[in-house]
């Protein structure tokens, strides 16, 4: 240090812990739910599904789940965590759909996670309890405002951009199909 020199202070990163966030979004109703857990394991995922089915939508015949292709985002996680009868019940109350590989941009929850990051997680949070309270406050504000997700990707867009995923229909098959419907 010298006179009139700017003071220098060394910075040392201090980790306050880690946490996992499970988020589900009901896009058209403007509802979302954030569940904070310590880990991101198959058992944690299964418990999140149980909360979704039993606490959030207990009267629903089925909940439609659109998930990415992570290895724990499968019905098998339910069987890893629960007895077979309970796992079977939860699996039957859930209809599973997966985003195409390399197509995570289709996952609307990622957009909501981005909003959560900007509104709530863009600063240091000291502990899991504070994170849970902050996430719940964010969830409450978004749900009260009924912020819906306006998805602009249409079926026509999908047929163009994802043409490799759609079956090729030959002209003869098209004519046969048209003849059989008339």
Protein backbone atom coordinates (compact mmCIF):
# COMPACT_ATOMS: atom_id res chain seq x y z
CA UNK A 1 0.00 0.00 0.00
CA UNK A 2 1.11 3.51 -0.81
CA UNK A 3 -0.44 6.86 0.10
CA UNK A 4 -3.26 7.88 -2.27
CA UNK A 5 -3.44 4.38 -3.79
CA UNK A 6 -6.86 2.75 -4.07
CA UNK A 7 -7.37 0.08 -1.44
CA UNK A 8 -7.38 -3.46 -2.80
CA UNK A 9 -9.40 -6.21 -1.23
CA UNK A 10 -9.07 -9.85 -2.16
CA UNK A 11 -12.32 -11.69 -2.80
CA UNK A 12 -12.82 -15.23 -1.65
CA UNK A 13 -15.91 -17.13 -2.80
CA UNK A 14 -17.90 -18.61 0.04
CA UNK A 15 -20.36 -21.29 -0.92
CA UNK A 16 -23.58 -21.15 1.06
CA UNK A 17 -24.71 -24.56 -0.10
CA UNK A 18 -26.57 -25.86 -3.11
CA UNK A 19 -30.16 -26.64 -3.94
CA UNK A 20 -32.30 -28.00 -6.73
CA UNK A 21 -35.48 -26.47 -8.10
CA UNK A 22 -38.27 -28.52 -9.66
CA UNK A 23 -40.69 -26.34 -11.60
CA UNK A 24 -43.93 -27.23 -13.27
CA UNK A 25 -46.00 -24.86 -15.35
CA UNK A 26 -49.63 -24.97 -16.39
CA UNK A 27 -49.05 -22.70 -19.38
CA UNK A 28 -52.58 -21.70 -20.36
CA UNK A 29 -53.88 -21.24 -16.81
CA UNK A 30 -50.93 -19.12 -15.73
CA UNK A 31 -50.03 -21.42 -12.85
CA UNK A 32 -46.65 -22.65 -11.78
CA UNK A 33 -45.15 -24.39 -8.76
CA UNK A 34 -41.56 -24.38 -7.56
CA UNK A 35 -40.32 -27.13 -5.27
CA UNK A 36 -36.92 -26.66 -3.61
CA UNK A 37 -35.00 -29.83 -2.77
CA UNK A 38 -31.45 -30.53 -1.62
CA UNK A 39 -30.69 -32.88 -4.52
CA UNK A 40 -31.84 -33.73 -8.03
CA UNK A 41 -32.22 -37.48 -7.78
CA UNK A 42 -34.79 -39.95 -9.06
CA UNK A 43 -36.26 -40.15 -5.56
CA UNK A 44 -36.59 -36.36 -5.33
CA UNK A 45 -38.23 -36.25 -8.76
CA UNK A 46 -40.68 -38.99 -7.73
CA UNK A 47 -41.64 -37.03 -4.61
CA UNK A 48 -42.18 -33.92 -6.76
CA UNK A 49 -44.50 -35.94 -9.04
CA UNK A 50 -46.39 -37.23 -6.00
CA UNK A 51 -46.89 -33.64 -4.80
CA UNK A 52 -48.04 -32.61 -8.26
CA UNK A 53 -50.56 -35.45 -8.48
CA UNK A 54 -51.81 -35.52 -4.88
CA UNK A 55 -51.51 -31.92 -3.65
CA UNK A 56 -51.75 -29.73 -6.75
CA UNK A 57 -54.19 -31.72 -8.93
CA UNK A 58 -55.84 -34.35 -6.72
CA UNK A 59 -59.09 -34.40 -8.74
CA UNK A 60 -57.46 -34.67 -12.16
CA UNK A 61 -57.82 -37.95 -14.02
CA UNK A 62 -54.37 -37.46 -15.54
CA UNK A 63 -51.67 -34.82 -15.45
CA UNK A 64 -49.86 -34.26 -18.73
CA UNK A 65 -46.14 -34.05 -18.06
CA UNK A 66 -43.80 -32.62 -20.68
CA UNK A 67 -40.25 -33.25 -19.55
CA UNK A 68 -36.80 -33.26 -21.00
CA UNK A 69 -34.95 -36.53 -21.57
CA UNK A 70 -32.97 -36.59 -18.33
CA UNK A 71 -32.59 -40.15 -17.11
CA UNK A 72 -34.53 -39.53 -13.87
CA UNK A 73 -37.51 -37.91 -15.60
CA UNK A 74 -39.11 -41.29 -16.23
CA UNK A 75 -41.86 -43.37 -14.62
CA UNK A 76 -39.15 -45.72 -13.35
CA UNK A 77 -38.20 -43.07 -10.79
CA UNK A 78 -41.56 -43.60 -9.13
CA UNK A 79 -40.79 -47.30 -8.66
CA UNK A 80 -37.37 -46.45 -7.23
CA UNK A 81 -38.93 -44.28 -4.54
CA UNK A 82 -42.35 -45.82 -3.76
CA UNK A 83 -43.84 -49.25 -3.28
CA UNK A 84 -45.11 -50.76 -6.53
CA UNK A 85 -48.79 -50.06 -5.85
CA UNK A 86 -48.18 -46.34 -5.13
CA UNK A 87 -45.75 -45.99 -8.04
CA UNK A 88 -48.30 -47.61 -10.37
CA UNK A 89 -51.05 -45.26 -9.15
CA UNK A 90 -48.86 -42.18 -9.74
CA UNK A 91 -47.70 -43.45 -13.13
CA UNK A 92 -51.31 -44.04 -14.23
CA UNK A 93 -52.30 -40.51 -13.18
CA UNK A 94 -49.50 -39.08 -15.34
CA UNK A 95 -49.26 -38.90 -19.12
CA UNK A 96 -45.59 -38.60 -20.10
CA UNK A 97 -44.31 -36.66 -23.11
CA UNK A 98 -40.67 -35.88 -23.80
CA UNK A 99 -39.19 -32.95 -25.70
CA UNK A 100 -37.22 -34.03 -28.76
CA UNK A 101 -33.51 -34.58 -28.21
CA UNK A 102 -31.56 -31.41 -28.95
CA UNK A 103 -34.86 -29.55 -28.79
CA UNK A 104 -34.91 -28.27 -25.22
CA UNK A 105 -36.09 -24.92 -26.58
CA UNK A 106 -39.49 -26.58 -26.77
CA UNK A 107 -39.54 -26.85 -23.00
CA UNK A 108 -41.73 -24.01 -21.72
CA UNK A 109 -40.50 -24.58 -18.18
CA UNK A 110 -37.06 -23.41 -19.27
CA UNK A 111 -38.57 -20.04 -20.16
CA UNK A 112 -40.16 -19.85 -16.73
CA UNK A 113 -36.86 -20.84 -15.10
CA UNK A 114 -35.24 -17.95 -16.95
CA UNK A 115 -37.83 -15.55 -15.50
CA UNK A 116 -37.27 -17.05 -12.04
CA UNK A 117 -33.53 -16.52 -12.47
CA UNK A 118 -33.95 -12.85 -13.41
CA UNK A 119 -36.58 -12.05 -10.76
CA UNK A 120 -35.37 -14.10 -7.84
CA UNK A 121 -32.09 -15.97 -8.24
CA UNK A 122 -29.79 -13.33 -9.73
CA UNK A 123 -28.23 -12.67 -6.31
CA UNK A 124 -26.64 -14.71 -3.58
CA UNK A 125 -29.14 -16.49 -1.39
CA UNK A 126 -27.72 -17.49 1.99
CA UNK A 127 -29.54 -20.78 2.66
CA UNK A 128 -32.19 -23.25 1.50
CA UNK A 129 -34.86 -21.80 3.80
CA UNK A 130 -34.45 -18.33 2.29
CA UNK A 131 -34.46 -19.85 -1.21
CA UNK A 132 -37.71 -21.68 -0.43
CA UNK A 133 -39.32 -18.46 0.84
CA UNK A 134 -38.07 -16.41 -2.13
CA UNK A 135 -39.22 -19.02 -4.66
CA UNK A 136 -42.64 -19.23 -2.98
CA UNK A 137 -43.00 -15.43 -3.05
CA UNK A 138 -42.07 -15.36 -6.77
CA UNK A 139 -44.48 -18.22 -7.48
CA UNK A 140 -47.27 -16.43 -5.63
CA UNK A 141 -46.75 -13.16 -7.54
CA UNK A 142 -46.68 -14.93 -10.92
CA UNK A 143 -49.73 -17.06 -10.08
CA UNK A 144 -51.78 -14.10 -8.78
CA UNK A 145 -50.98 -12.23 -11.99
CA UNK A 146 -51.94 -15.40 -13.93
CA UNK A 147 -49.00 -14.93 -16.28
CA UNK A 148 -49.60 -17.32 -19.15
CA UNK A 149 -47.05 -18.56 -21.64
CA UNK A 150 -47.71 -17.41 -25.18
CA UNK A 151 -46.07 -20.06 -27.32
CA UNK A 152 -45.57 -18.86 -30.89
CA UNK A 153 -44.21 -22.09 -32.35
CA UNK A 154 -47.07 -23.45 -34.48
CA UNK A 155 -47.68 -26.87 -35.96
CA UNK A 156 -46.82 -25.45 -39.39
CA UNK A 157 -43.50 -24.17 -38.00
CA UNK A 158 -42.83 -27.58 -36.48
CA UNK A 159 -43.46 -29.36 -39.77
CA UNK A 160 -40.84 -27.13 -41.43
CA UNK A 161 -38.19 -27.04 -38.72
CA UNK A 162 -38.64 -30.61 -37.51
CA UNK A 163 -39.37 -32.26 -40.85
CA UNK A 164 -36.86 -35.02 -40.09
CA UNK A 165 -39.14 -36.13 -37.20
CA UNK A 166 -42.31 -36.29 -39.32
CA UNK A 167 -43.04 -39.33 -41.48
CA UNK A 168 -42.83 -38.89 -45.22
CA UNK A 169 -46.22 -39.35 -46.87
CA UNK A 170 -45.96 -40.44 -50.48
CA UNK A 171 -48.27 -38.99 -53.10
CA UNK A 172 -49.96 -42.37 -53.69
CA UNK A 173 -50.66 -42.78 -49.95
CA UNK A 174 -52.14 -39.27 -49.88
CA UNK A 175 -54.45 -40.11 -52.79
CA UNK A 176 -55.51 -43.38 -51.12
CA UNK A 177 -56.19 -41.57 -47.86
CA UNK A 178 -58.25 -38.91 -49.66
CA UNK A 179 -60.23 -41.60 -51.52
CA UNK A 180 -60.96 -43.53 -48.33
CA UNK A 181 -62.32 -40.46 -46.53
CA UNK A 182 -64.68 -39.44 -49.34
